[in-house]
Amino acid sequence: MRKKVRIWSKIFFIVLVALVPTVVLTIYTAFSFRSRLIMQSSAELSRLCEVYLNEHRLIVQNAYQMLLSISRTPTIQQRDYTYLNTYLRDLMDLNGRYAVILVADENGMVLASGIEATGYSIGDREYFNRAVASGAFTVGTFLISRSTGIPSITYSLPVRDLHNHTVILIATFSLEQYFESLSLSNLSRDSVLEIFDANGKRLFSNDDVHRFLFGEPVDVHLYTKALRNNTGDPEVFPINGVPHLVSLNSLMYNGQAVYVSVRRPYRMILDESTRPVIRTLIVMLAGLVSALGLALWLARRLFVNRIENLTVYTEHLAAGNLAVRSVMNRAPDELTELMTSFNKMAEALEERDRENERVLEEKENLLRELRKRVSDNLQLVSSLISLQLDHVSESDTRRALLTTHARVMAMSLVYDTLFRFSDVEQVKLKQYATDLGDFLVSLYADIGASISVQVGGLDASVGIDRALPLGLILNELVSNCILHAFPDGRKGNISIIFSRVSASYLQMEIIDDGIGFEKDMRESETLGYEMIEGLVLQVRGELIISSGAEGTEIRVRFPELDVGLL
């Protein structure tokens, strides 16, 4: 039984459906806004990364211009280093970014220094060897200055003097000067700016934990990402085990890179972008609840009670209580007109129901009487044939009469089964096949005394117009099995199986374990096979025959419902 759905549920559903577009649009807008906020955060990180990349580029350009200016002084060009220490010291005083500025020959021996420390070798330094090998301006990696002990990064410029000798000008930038050289006020409190060299050593970080840990390795995920691709859009990956949105870029000088990254915890970005969404959804939910409450209150006040009363009235009508009448409402509206129409309909139905019952009873009585007389007449014909059999001795004539007798009884059993086991219109096929099998075995007792017929499968029912041709088909096939499949009194079995082969088709199978037949049954010109073919065509069915030494199997497939008999 289907569960009753109250009018309140339907009203709630209608209002909900009406609000669904607004809800969907609001949710879509809220989450689109959230996505835009995340994209804005990503764009802001990219912008900040570009800003600090440009500021770092400016630091490098300043170092390059300073070294280039030093290279053009007479003391360098003429190899007169008497006053060069004083000149370099004055430069360091004017520009406090550098831990030391020095000049070395191509063997690495320091010739002049802004802190007047000379005579030692820097020939083992990687940045020095790279500058000498390339002959171009070179950015170094993290190191601790030997002369000052200050964490630094070097900028080297090889130049040739007037005597065609190479000297290396070196400016060692103090990493602590990043705090003064970069515009850190642009960063939010949870944003981290990190600069590291080509070896993954930290040159700068504004993170409180790593603020002065110069030269420490940066996070392996960050360094790996920098080596693989450092010019793409910001991406999310873990830094020290915490997911961050990271923007990464680099400066490349003479094959040596310096990386600049700006990152924020991804959870912070999600929280910032989700809070407006939550506020919007809360407001939307409050509006939805208010709209539902108002709609239900108005529905109750305006028409729900009257519809419930009308529902009770129609339930009485559906139960067959046509004498009940609906109480009229004073409100002159469509519901009142509907109740009036129901009252008139109930009166008309009550009168028509009485008339229909009388007419139906008469027709059913006539139909039963007609079919009973048809069955009686068929039984009479069968009895006449049976009497005639007692006075016939010729085998061919006797077999022809037996066959005719079986065909008449096949039709008679349809009506008999209809009256005893079925309703007025439908015939149960299994019961019919059982009765017909028993009759045919007894009819051909002298031939089939050792033959048994079993009926199984689906207990299907068909209309009488379909049952008659199916019964005749079954009679012909079973009779043929009894007469021809088991010669010389051989014992055997015949199975009749009903099954469903699809949603709209049934199948009747007749299977015996007899001797089979060599000649194709379709090539036979007997009346029996002509009848079978005609009857199969009449029910719009299909006949499938297979036979061999182990027996014969015949299948008749036909539509279950009446699609129009031919």
Protein backbone atom coordinates (compact mmCIF):
# COMPACT_ATOMS: atom_id res chain seq x y z
CA MET A 1 0.00 0.00 0.00
CA ARG A 2 1.35 3.38 -0.96
CA LYS A 3 2.11 5.73 1.89
CA LYS A 4 -0.23 8.67 2.20
CA VAL A 5 1.32 12.06 1.42
CA ARG A 6 -0.28 14.87 3.38
CA ILE A 7 -1.15 18.20 1.82
CA TRP A 8 1.37 19.85 4.13
CA SER A 9 4.14 17.85 2.53
CA LYS A 10 3.00 18.86 -0.93
CA ILE A 11 2.80 22.53 0.00
CA PHE A 12 6.22 22.31 1.56
CA PHE A 13 7.51 20.68 -1.62
CA ILE A 14 5.90 23.34 -3.85
CA VAL A 15 7.36 26.18 -1.80
CA LEU A 16 10.72 24.40 -1.72
CA VAL A 17 10.69 23.96 -5.49
CA ALA A 18 9.84 27.64 -5.85
CA LEU A 19 12.78 28.55 -3.64
CA VAL A 20 15.22 26.09 -5.22
CA PRO A 21 16.34 28.47 -8.02
CA THR A 22 17.02 31.18 -5.46
CA VAL A 23 18.86 28.74 -3.20
CA VAL A 24 20.91 27.35 -6.08
CA LEU A 25 21.73 30.83 -7.36
CA THR A 26 22.69 32.00 -3.86
CA ILE A 27 24.90 28.97 -3.24
CA TYR A 28 26.46 29.32 -6.68
CA THR A 29 27.09 33.03 -6.12
CA ALA A 30 28.53 32.39 -2.65
CA PHE A 31 30.92 29.71 -3.82
CA SER A 32 31.81 31.71 -6.93
CA PHE A 33 32.65 34.60 -4.62
CA ARG A 34 34.73 32.20 -2.53
CA SER A 35 36.57 31.06 -5.66
CA ARG A 36 37.17 34.68 -6.65
CA LEU A 37 38.58 35.43 -3.20
CA ILE A 38 40.95 32.48 -3.51
CA MET A 39 41.95 33.68 -6.98
CA GLN A 40 42.48 37.19 -5.61
CA SER A 41 44.69 35.79 -2.87
CA SER A 42 46.62 33.87 -5.50
CA ALA A 43 46.95 37.00 -7.67
CA GLU A 44 48.07 39.04 -4.64
CA LEU A 45 50.79 36.49 -3.85
CA SER A 46 51.93 36.62 -7.47
CA ARG A 47 52.00 40.40 -7.33
CA LEU A 48 53.98 40.44 -4.09
CA CYS A 49 56.40 37.86 -5.45
CA GLU A 50 56.95 40.04 -8.52
CA VAL A 51 57.44 43.13 -6.31
CA TYR A 52 60.13 41.45 -4.20
CA LEU A 53 61.69 39.93 -7.28
CA ASN A 54 62.04 43.42 -8.72
CA GLU A 55 63.41 44.77 -5.42
CA HIS A 56 65.98 41.97 -5.38
CA ARG A 57 66.78 42.72 -9.01
CA LEU A 58 67.38 46.34 -7.97
CA ILE A 59 69.81 45.18 -5.25
CA VAL A 60 71.72 43.16 -7.83
CA GLN A 61 71.70 46.03 -10.34
CA ASN A 62 73.02 48.44 -7.68
CA ALA A 63 75.86 46.02 -6.90
CA TYR A 64 76.62 45.64 -10.59
CA GLN A 65 76.65 49.41 -11.19
CA MET A 66 78.85 49.95 -8.17
CA LEU A 67 81.38 47.32 -9.29
CA LEU A 68 81.27 48.70 -12.82
CA SER A 69 82.06 52.18 -11.47
CA ILE A 70 84.95 50.80 -9.44
CA SER A 71 86.31 49.05 -12.53
CA ARG A 72 86.61 52.38 -14.35
CA THR A 73 88.67 54.14 -11.68
CA PRO A 74 92.37 54.91 -12.51
CA THR A 75 93.58 52.82 -9.59
CA ILE A 76 92.07 49.69 -11.18
CA GLN A 77 92.97 50.47 -14.78
CA GLN A 78 96.57 51.44 -13.97
CA ARG A 79 97.04 48.81 -11.19
CA ASP A 80 97.74 51.52 -8.63
CA TYR A 81 96.29 50.08 -5.41
CA THR A 82 97.89 52.65 -3.02
CA TYR A 83 94.64 54.51 -2.33
CA LEU A 84 92.19 51.71 -3.32
CA ASN A 85 91.68 50.47 0.26
CA THR A 86 90.65 53.98 1.34
CA TYR A 87 88.32 54.30 -1.67
CA LEU A 88 86.63 50.98 -0.97
CA ARG A 89 86.23 51.85 2.74
CA ASP A 90 84.58 55.17 1.79
CA LEU A 91 82.20 53.26 -0.51
CA MET A 92 81.28 50.90 2.35
CA ASP A 93 80.65 53.85 4.64
CA LEU A 94 78.38 55.45 2.06
CA ASN A 95 76.54 52.19 1.34
CA GLY A 96 76.13 50.17 4.49
CA ARG A 97 74.60 47.19 2.69
CA TYR A 98 77.91 45.48 2.05
CA ALA A 99 79.91 43.48 4.57
CA VAL A 100 83.05 43.96 2.52
CA ILE A 101 84.15 45.18 -0.93
CA LEU A 102 87.40 43.79 -2.21
CA VAL A 103 89.62 43.35 -5.28
CA ALA A 104 91.46 40.11 -6.09
CA ASP A 105 93.74 39.06 -8.89
CA GLU A 106 92.91 36.15 -11.20
CA ASN A 107 94.65 33.74 -8.80
CA GLY A 108 92.37 34.73 -5.93
CA MET A 109 94.88 36.81 -3.94
CA VAL A 110 93.12 39.80 -2.30
CA LEU A 111 94.79 43.01 -3.53
CA ALA A 112 92.57 45.60 -1.80
CA SER A 113 89.71 45.57 0.72
CA GLY A 114 87.33 48.05 2.27
CA ILE A 115 88.31 46.71 5.69
CA GLU A 116 92.04 46.79 4.74
CA ALA A 117 92.40 43.03 5.08
CA THR A 118 94.61 41.90 2.18
CA GLY A 119 97.14 39.24 1.31
CA TYR A 120 94.85 36.22 1.81
CA SER A 121 93.44 34.00 -0.92
CA ILE A 122 89.85 33.44 -1.98
CA GLY A 123 90.80 31.18 -4.86
CA ASP A 124 88.89 28.27 -3.36
CA ARG A 125 85.58 30.11 -3.32
CA GLU A 126 82.94 28.82 -5.77
CA TYR A 127 81.70 32.29 -6.70
CA PHE A 128 85.29 33.37 -7.51
CA ASN A 129 85.98 30.41 -9.78
CA ARG A 130 82.62 30.84 -11.54
CA ALA A 131 83.35 34.52 -12.23
CA VAL A 132 86.86 33.75 -13.52
CA ALA A 133 85.58 30.91 -15.73
CA SER A 134 82.72 32.92 -17.22
CA GLY A 135 84.37 36.34 -17.40
CA ALA A 136 80.98 37.91 -16.66
CA PHE A 137 79.08 39.43 -13.77
CA THR A 138 78.15 36.59 -11.43
CA VAL A 139 75.76 36.16 -8.50
CA GLY A 140 77.14 33.86 -5.85
CA THR A 141 75.58 31.64 -3.22
CA PHE A 142 75.37 31.83 0.54
CA LEU A 143 78.66 32.13 2.41
CA ILE A 144 80.18 33.38 5.64
CA SER A 145 82.69 36.16 4.89
CA ARG A 146 86.22 35.12 5.89
CA SER A 147 87.23 38.67 6.64
CA THR A 148 84.12 39.74 8.60
CA GLY A 149 82.32 36.52 9.58
CA ILE A 150 79.02 38.03 8.33
CA PRO A 151 76.45 35.86 6.45
CA SER A 152 76.49 37.21 2.90
CA ILE A 153 75.93 36.72 -0.78
CA THR A 154 78.57 37.86 -3.27
CA TYR A 155 78.42 39.74 -6.54
CA SER A 156 81.54 39.39 -8.70
CA LEU A 157 82.65 41.31 -11.81
CA PRO A 158 85.82 40.29 -13.72
CA VAL A 159 87.48 43.24 -15.53
CA ARG A 160 90.67 43.82 -17.49
CA ASP A 161 93.02 46.74 -16.78
CA LEU A 162 95.05 48.69 -19.28
CA HIS A 163 97.79 46.07 -19.05
CA ASN A 164 95.28 43.35 -20.06
CA HIS A 165 95.42 41.75 -16.64
CA THR A 166 92.24 40.36 -15.08
CA VAL A 167 91.12 41.47 -11.66
CA ILE A 168 87.95 40.39 -9.88
CA LEU A 169 85.83 43.05 -8.16
CA ILE A 170 83.71 41.53 -5.37
CA ALA A 171 80.89 43.09 -3.34
CA THR A 172 79.70 40.97 -0.41
CA PHE A 173 76.09 41.87 0.43
CA SER A 174 75.16 41.41 4.09
CA LEU A 175 72.04 39.27 4.37
CA GLU A 176 70.83 41.27 7.37
CA GLN A 177 70.47 44.24 5.02
CA TYR A 178 67.50 42.54 3.36
CA PHE A 179 65.39 43.78 6.29
CA GLU A 180 66.25 47.36 5.28
CA SER A 181 66.26 46.89 1.52
CA LEU A 182 62.88 45.16 1.08
CA SER A 183 59.45 46.75 1.58
CA LEU A 184 58.24 44.21 4.11
CA SER A 185 55.26 46.37 5.11
CA ASN A 186 53.42 45.01 2.05
CA LEU A 187 53.24 41.56 3.64
CA SER A 188 50.34 40.46 5.82
CA ARG A 189 51.09 39.00 9.23
CA ASP A 190 50.68 35.40 8.04
CA SER A 191 52.59 35.87 4.76
CA VAL A 192 56.16 34.62 4.49
CA LEU A 193 58.77 36.00 2.12
CA GLU A 194 61.70 33.66 1.59
CA ILE A 195 64.77 34.16 -0.62
CA PHE A 196 67.21 31.30 -1.22
CA ASP A 197 70.14 30.56 -3.47
CA ALA A 198 70.70 27.91 -6.17
CA ASN A 199 71.78 25.40 -3.50
CA GLY A 200 68.57 25.82 -1.51
CA LYS A 201 70.28 27.82 1.27
CA ARG A 202 68.15 30.46 2.95
CA LEU A 203 69.26 34.04 2.26
CA PHE A 204 66.29 35.76 3.89
CA SER A 205 63.01 34.97 5.65
CA ASN A 206 60.62 37.24 7.55
CA ASP A 207 59.23 34.21 9.39
CA ASP A 208 59.84 34.60 13.13
CA VAL A 209 61.11 31.02 13.36
CA HIS A 210 63.68 31.36 10.56
CA ARG A 211 64.30 35.10 10.75
CA PHE A 212 68.03 34.92 11.44
CA LEU A 213 68.74 31.32 10.40
CA PHE A 214 70.78 32.35 7.36
CA GLY A 215 72.24 29.53 5.28
CA GLU A 216 69.81 26.88 6.59
CA PRO A 217 68.23 24.64 3.91
CA VAL A 218 64.72 25.67 2.91
CA ASP A 219 61.87 23.16 2.87
CA VAL A 220 62.61 20.31 0.46
CA HIS A 221 59.23 20.67 -1.32
CA LEU A 222 59.89 24.35 -1.94
CA TYR A 223 63.39 23.72 -3.25
CA THR A 224 62.24 20.83 -5.47
CA LYS A 225 59.47 22.97 -6.91
CA ALA A 226 61.95 25.80 -7.57
CA LEU A 227 64.25 23.47 -9.51
CA ARG A 228 61.41 22.02 -11.60
CA ASN A 229 59.35 25.06 -12.43
CA ASN A 230 59.60 28.47 -10.81
CA THR A 231 57.66 30.71 -13.17
CA GLY A 232 54.12 29.27 -12.98
CA ASP A 233 51.00 30.33 -11.14
CA PRO A 234 50.83 29.94 -7.35
CA GLU A 235 50.33 26.36 -6.25
CA VAL A 236 49.39 24.57 -3.04
CA PHE A 237 51.97 22.21 -1.55
CA PRO A 238 53.26 21.46 1.97
CA ILE A 239 55.90 23.64 3.61
CA ASN A 240 57.20 22.14 6.85
CA GLY A 241 54.22 19.78 6.79
CA VAL A 242 51.58 22.56 6.47
CA PRO A 243 49.80 23.23 3.14
CA HIS A 244 50.66 26.67 1.76
CA LEU A 245 49.70 28.62 -1.32
CA VAL A 246 53.11 29.49 -2.78
CA SER A 247 54.16 31.94 -5.49
CA LEU A 248 57.68 31.29 -6.74
CA ASN A 249 59.99 33.12 -9.17
CA SER A 250 63.69 33.52 -9.84
CA LEU A 251 66.47 35.77 -11.09
CA MET A 252 69.11 34.22 -13.33
CA TYR A 253 72.60 35.72 -13.76
CA ASN A 254 75.29 33.87 -15.66
CA GLY A 255 73.56 30.52 -15.08
CA GLN A 256 73.21 31.11 -11.33
CA ALA A 257 69.71 31.52 -9.89
CA VAL A 258 68.33 33.30 -6.86
CA TYR A 259 64.80 32.28 -5.90
CA VAL A 260 62.10 34.48 -4.38
CA SER A 261 58.98 32.93 -2.85
CA VAL A 262 55.94 34.39 -1.09
CA ARG A 263 53.50 32.07 0.67
CA ARG A 264 50.50 31.99 2.96
CA PRO A 265 48.97 29.07 4.88
CA TYR A 266 46.27 27.67 2.64
CA ARG A 267 44.00 27.12 5.63
CA MET A 268 44.07 30.87 6.37
CA ILE A 269 43.12 31.65 2.76
CA LEU A 270 40.27 29.14 2.87
CA ASP A 271 39.03 30.54 6.18
CA GLU A 272 39.06 34.10 4.85
CA SER A 273 37.22 33.10 1.69
CA THR A 274 34.74 30.81 3.49
CA ARG A 275 33.54 33.27 6.14
CA PRO A 276 31.56 35.40 3.64
CA VAL A 277 30.07 32.22 2.18
CA ILE A 278 28.95 31.06 5.62
CA ARG A 279 27.40 34.44 6.39
CA THR A 280 25.56 34.39 3.07
CA LEU A 281 24.28 30.87 3.62
CA ILE A 282 23.10 31.72 7.15
CA VAL A 283 21.15 34.70 5.84
CA MET A 284 19.76 32.57 3.03
CA LEU A 285 18.73 29.82 5.47
CA ALA A 286 17.00 32.34 7.72
CA GLY A 287 15.13 33.74 4.72
CA LEU A 288 14.20 30.24 3.57
CA VAL A 289 12.82 29.26 6.97
CA SER A 290 10.86 32.51 7.17
CA ALA A 291 9.44 32.03 3.68
CA LEU A 292 8.46 28.44 4.44
CA GLY A 293 6.78 29.41 7.69
CA LEU A 294 4.83 32.25 6.10
CA ALA A 295 3.79 30.08 3.15
CA LEU A 296 2.58 27.25 5.38
CA TRP A 297 0.65 29.64 7.64
CA LEU A 298 -1.10 31.26 4.67
CA ALA A 299 -1.82 27.87 3.10
CA ARG A 300 -3.38 26.61 6.31
CA ARG A 301 -5.49 29.73 6.68
CA LEU A 302 -6.67 29.94 3.09
CA PHE A 303 -7.30 26.41 1.79
CA VAL A 304 -5.60 23.47 3.56
CA ASN A 305 -8.46 22.81 6.03
CA ARG A 306 -11.03 22.85 3.25
CA ILE A 307 -8.93 20.53 1.09
CA GLU A 308 -8.58 18.11 4.00
CA ASN A 309 -12.38 18.12 4.44
CA LEU A 310 -12.79 17.52 0.73
CA THR A 311 -10.23 14.68 0.94
CA VAL A 312 -12.26 12.97 3.67
CA TYR A 313 -15.37 13.33 1.51
CA THR A 314 -13.70 11.82 -1.56
CA GLU A 315 -12.34 8.94 0.55
CA HIS A 316 -15.96 8.08 1.45
CA LEU A 317 -16.83 8.18 -2.25
CA ALA A 318 -13.81 6.02 -3.12
CA ALA A 319 -14.87 3.51 -0.47
CA GLY A 320 -18.20 3.16 -2.27
CA ASN A 321 -20.24 5.25 0.13
CA LEU A 322 -22.00 7.25 -2.56
CA ALA A 323 -24.73 8.36 -0.14
CA VAL A 324 -22.40 10.75 1.72
CA ARG A 325 -22.52 14.47 0.83
CA SER A 326 -19.96 17.22 1.42
CA VAL A 327 -20.82 20.08 3.80
CA MET A 328 -20.94 23.33 1.83
CA ASN A 329 -18.74 26.30 2.71
CA ARG A 330 -19.97 29.86 2.78
CA ALA A 331 -16.97 31.14 0.83
CA PRO A 332 -18.05 31.54 -2.82
CA ASP A 333 -14.85 30.33 -4.48
CA GLU A 334 -13.50 27.52 -6.63
CA LEU A 335 -13.36 25.04 -3.74
CA THR A 336 -17.04 25.59 -2.99
CA GLU A 337 -17.85 25.01 -6.65
CA LEU A 338 -15.72 21.85 -6.56
CA MET A 339 -17.61 20.52 -3.52
CA THR A 340 -20.93 21.23 -5.26
CA SER A 341 -19.71 19.36 -8.35
CA PHE A 342 -18.64 16.40 -6.19
CA ASN A 343 -22.09 16.24 -4.60
CA LYS A 344 -23.76 16.21 -8.01
CA MET A 345 -21.28 13.63 -9.24
CA ALA A 346 -21.96 11.40 -6.21
CA GLU A 347 -25.69 11.50 -6.93
CA ALA A 348 -25.14 10.62 -10.59
CA LEU A 349 -22.66 7.87 -9.74
CA GLU A 350 -24.98 6.38 -7.18
CA GLU A 351 -27.75 6.08 -9.74
CA ARG A 352 -25.42 4.85 -12.50
CA ASP A 353 -23.81 2.31 -10.15
CA ARG A 354 -27.14 0.71 -9.46
CA GLU A 355 -27.90 0.49 -13.17
CA ASN A 356 -24.43 -0.85 -14.03
CA GLU A 357 -24.64 -3.57 -11.40
CA ARG A 358 -27.93 -4.75 -12.83
CA VAL A 359 -26.65 -4.75 -16.44
CA LEU A 360 -23.33 -6.39 -15.51
CA GLU A 361 -25.03 -9.17 -13.65
CA GLU A 362 -27.25 -9.88 -16.66
CA LYS A 363 -24.29 -9.93 -19.06
CA GLU A 364 -22.21 -12.21 -16.85
CA ASN A 365 -25.08 -14.64 -16.56
CA LEU A 366 -25.56 -14.61 -20.34
CA LEU A 367 -21.82 -15.10 -20.93
CA ARG A 368 -21.61 -18.02 -18.52
CA GLU A 369 -24.66 -19.61 -20.10
CA LEU A 370 -23.28 -19.14 -23.60
CA ARG A 371 -19.89 -20.66 -22.79
CA LYS A 372 -21.54 -23.48 -20.88
CA ARG A 373 -23.61 -24.32 -23.92
CA VAL A 374 -20.52 -24.15 -26.17
CA SER A 375 -18.75 -26.54 -23.80
CA ASP A 376 -21.76 -28.85 -23.68
CA ASN A 377 -22.00 -28.89 -27.48
CA LEU A 378 -18.31 -29.71 -27.80
CA GLN A 379 -18.75 -32.48 -25.25
CA LEU A 380 -21.69 -33.76 -27.29
CA VAL A 381 -19.62 -33.79 -30.48
CA SER A 382 -16.84 -35.57 -28.60
CA SER A 383 -19.28 -38.18 -27.33
CA LEU A 384 -20.61 -38.76 -30.85
CA ILE A 385 -17.08 -39.28 -32.16
CA SER A 386 -16.34 -41.62 -29.27
CA LEU A 387 -19.46 -43.67 -30.10
CA GLN A 388 -18.43 -43.77 -33.74
CA LEU A 389 -15.04 -45.14 -32.72
CA ASP A 390 -16.72 -48.21 -31.26
CA HIS A 391 -18.06 -49.10 -34.73
CA VAL A 392 -14.85 -48.47 -36.74
CA SER A 393 -12.23 -51.15 -37.26
CA GLU A 394 -10.06 -49.71 -40.02
CA SER A 395 -6.86 -48.32 -38.48
CA ASP A 396 -6.63 -45.22 -40.68
CA THR A 397 -10.23 -44.24 -40.06
CA ARG A 398 -9.91 -44.98 -36.37
CA ARG A 399 -6.76 -42.83 -36.09
CA ALA A 400 -8.47 -39.97 -37.97
CA LEU A 401 -11.42 -40.13 -35.59
CA LEU A 402 -9.08 -40.22 -32.57
CA THR A 403 -7.30 -37.15 -33.88
CA THR A 404 -10.60 -35.34 -34.43
CA HIS A 405 -11.77 -36.42 -31.00
CA ALA A 406 -8.59 -35.01 -29.44
CA ARG A 407 -8.99 -31.67 -31.25
CA VAL A 408 -12.59 -31.29 -30.11
CA MET A 409 -11.64 -32.12 -26.53
CA ALA A 410 -8.74 -29.67 -26.69
CA MET A 411 -11.25 -26.88 -27.35
CA SER A 412 -13.73 -28.23 -24.82
CA LEU A 413 -11.09 -28.35 -22.08
CA VAL A 414 -10.44 -24.62 -22.57
CA TYR A 415 -13.96 -23.86 -21.42
CA ASP A 416 -13.87 -26.52 -18.75
CA THR A 417 -10.65 -25.08 -17.29
CA LEU A 418 -12.15 -21.60 -17.49
CA PHE A 419 -15.15 -22.60 -15.40
CA ARG A 420 -13.35 -24.79 -12.87
CA PHE A 421 -10.02 -23.03 -12.22
CA SER A 422 -10.04 -19.54 -13.81
CA ASP A 423 -11.98 -16.32 -13.84
CA VAL A 424 -14.41 -15.20 -16.52
CA GLU A 425 -11.79 -14.08 -19.06
CA GLN A 426 -8.42 -15.79 -18.29
CA VAL A 427 -7.39 -19.46 -18.72
CA LYS A 428 -4.61 -20.94 -16.54
CA LEU A 429 -2.23 -22.66 -18.95
CA LYS A 430 -0.60 -25.13 -16.53
CA GLN A 431 -3.92 -26.54 -15.36
CA TYR A 432 -5.18 -26.73 -18.93
CA ALA A 433 -2.01 -28.50 -20.13
CA THR A 434 -2.23 -30.98 -17.23
CA ASP A 435 -5.83 -31.90 -18.07
CA LEU A 436 -5.10 -32.11 -21.79
CA GLY A 437 -2.04 -34.34 -21.22
CA ASP A 438 -4.00 -36.72 -19.02
CA PHE A 439 -6.80 -36.87 -21.59
CA LEU A 440 -4.46 -37.58 -24.52
CA VAL A 441 -2.62 -40.33 -22.63
CA SER A 442 -5.92 -42.00 -21.83
CA LEU A 443 -7.24 -41.44 -25.39
CA TYR A 444 -4.24 -43.15 -26.96
CA ALA A 445 -4.08 -45.78 -24.21
CA ASP A 446 -3.27 -48.55 -26.64
CA ILE A 447 -0.27 -46.56 -27.85
CA GLY A 448 0.84 -44.44 -24.90
CA ALA A 449 0.19 -46.61 -21.88
CA SER A 450 3.86 -46.32 -20.90
CA ILE A 451 4.10 -42.58 -21.62
CA SER A 452 3.91 -39.93 -18.89
CA VAL A 453 3.26 -36.21 -19.35
CA GLN A 454 4.66 -33.65 -16.88
CA VAL A 455 3.74 -29.96 -16.83
CA GLY A 456 5.94 -27.30 -15.20
CA GLY A 457 7.30 -23.78 -15.36
CA LEU A 458 5.47 -20.46 -15.17
CA ASP A 459 1.81 -20.49 -14.12
CA ALA A 460 0.72 -18.06 -16.83
CA SER A 461 -2.81 -17.07 -17.81
CA VAL A 462 -4.10 -15.91 -21.21
CA GLY A 463 -7.41 -14.80 -22.63
CA ILE A 464 -9.80 -17.32 -24.06
CA ASP A 465 -9.26 -16.06 -27.64
CA ARG A 466 -5.56 -16.88 -27.26
CA ALA A 467 -6.09 -20.07 -25.19
CA LEU A 468 -8.10 -21.81 -27.96
CA PRO A 469 -5.36 -21.72 -30.68
CA LEU A 470 -2.66 -22.48 -28.07
CA GLY A 471 -4.69 -25.48 -26.89
CA LEU A 472 -5.02 -26.81 -30.42
CA ILE A 473 -1.28 -26.34 -31.01
CA LEU A 474 -0.50 -28.18 -27.77
CA ASN A 475 -2.95 -30.99 -28.71
CA GLU A 476 -1.34 -31.51 -32.11
CA LEU A 477 2.22 -31.53 -30.73
CA VAL A 478 1.55 -33.83 -27.75
CA SER A 479 -0.55 -36.17 -29.90
CA ASN A 480 2.27 -36.34 -32.42
CA CYS A 481 4.73 -37.26 -29.65
CA ILE A 482 2.50 -40.03 -28.32
CA LEU A 483 1.82 -41.49 -31.77
CA HIS A 484 5.28 -41.28 -33.33
CA ALA A 485 8.04 -40.69 -30.75
CA PHE A 486 7.72 -43.99 -28.88
CA PRO A 487 7.24 -46.94 -31.29
CA ASP A 488 6.83 -50.57 -30.28
CA GLY A 489 5.42 -49.77 -26.82
CA ARG A 490 8.56 -47.94 -25.78
CA LYS A 491 8.37 -46.06 -22.47
CA GLY A 492 8.88 -42.33 -22.57
CA ASN A 493 8.35 -38.92 -21.05
CA ILE A 494 6.82 -35.75 -22.44
CA SER A 495 7.44 -32.44 -20.70
CA ILE A 496 5.38 -29.29 -21.19
CA ILE A 497 7.11 -26.22 -19.82
CA PHE A 498 5.83 -22.63 -19.79
CA SER A 499 8.32 -19.77 -19.33
CA ARG A 500 8.82 -16.07 -19.92
CA VAL A 501 11.47 -15.15 -22.50
CA SER A 502 11.07 -11.37 -22.28
CA ALA A 503 8.92 -8.72 -20.68
CA SER A 504 6.14 -9.26 -23.22
CA TYR A 505 6.69 -12.79 -24.61
CA LEU A 506 5.88 -16.25 -23.22
CA GLN A 507 7.19 -19.61 -24.40
CA MET A 508 5.60 -23.07 -24.49
CA GLU A 509 8.07 -25.97 -24.79
CA ILE A 510 7.14 -29.58 -25.61
CA ILE A 511 10.08 -31.93 -25.01
CA ASP A 512 10.13 -35.72 -25.43
CA ASP A 513 12.87 -38.33 -25.07
CA GLY A 514 11.68 -40.36 -28.02
CA ILE A 515 13.39 -41.41 -31.23
CA GLY A 516 13.12 -38.01 -32.95
CA PHE A 517 12.52 -37.69 -36.67
CA GLU A 518 14.90 -37.42 -39.60
CA LYS A 519 12.73 -35.43 -41.99
CA ASP A 520 12.20 -31.74 -41.23
CA MET A 521 8.73 -31.33 -39.82
CA ARG A 522 8.29 -28.18 -41.96
CA GLU A 523 8.54 -30.29 -45.11
CA SER A 524 5.53 -32.31 -43.98
CA GLU A 525 2.27 -31.66 -45.84
CA THR A 526 0.01 -33.24 -43.21
CA LEU A 527 -3.11 -31.53 -41.93
CA GLY A 528 -1.68 -31.51 -38.40
CA TYR A 529 1.39 -29.49 -39.31
CA GLU A 530 -0.65 -27.14 -41.52
CA MET A 531 -2.93 -26.53 -38.53
CA ILE A 532 0.07 -25.87 -36.26
CA GLU A 533 1.57 -23.36 -38.68
CA GLY A 534 -1.73 -21.58 -39.15
CA LEU A 535 -2.44 -21.44 -35.41
CA VAL A 536 1.09 -20.15 -34.61
CA LEU A 537 0.60 -17.44 -37.20
CA GLN A 538 -2.80 -16.66 -35.68
CA VAL A 539 -1.29 -15.90 -32.24
CA ARG A 540 1.57 -13.94 -33.94
CA GLY A 541 4.06 -16.46 -32.54
CA GLU A 542 7.23 -18.24 -33.61
CA LEU A 543 7.75 -22.00 -34.01
CA ILE A 544 11.22 -23.46 -33.28
CA ILE A 545 11.84 -27.19 -33.86
CA SER A 546 14.92 -29.25 -33.04
CA SER A 547 15.10 -33.06 -33.19
CA GLY A 548 17.73 -35.75 -32.81
CA ALA A 549 18.41 -39.26 -31.60
CA GLU A 550 17.84 -38.19 -28.00
CA GLY A 551 14.41 -36.72 -28.61
CA THR A 552 12.57 -33.70 -29.94
CA GLU A 553 12.19 -30.17 -28.55
CA ILE A 554 9.56 -27.81 -29.95
CA ARG A 555 9.22 -24.24 -28.72
CA VAL A 556 6.36 -21.86 -29.43
CA ARG A 557 6.99 -18.23 -28.52
CA PHE A 558 4.06 -15.83 -28.51
CA PRO A 559 3.16 -12.38 -27.11
CA GLU A 560 1.55 -12.51 -23.67
CA LEU A 561 -0.96 -9.74 -24.35
CA ASP A 562 -3.48 -9.74 -27.15
CA VAL A 563 -1.91 -7.67 -29.95
CA GLY A 564 -4.60 -8.65 -32.40
CA LEU A 565 -5.12 -12.25 -33.53
CA LEU A 566 -4.92 -12.95 -37.27
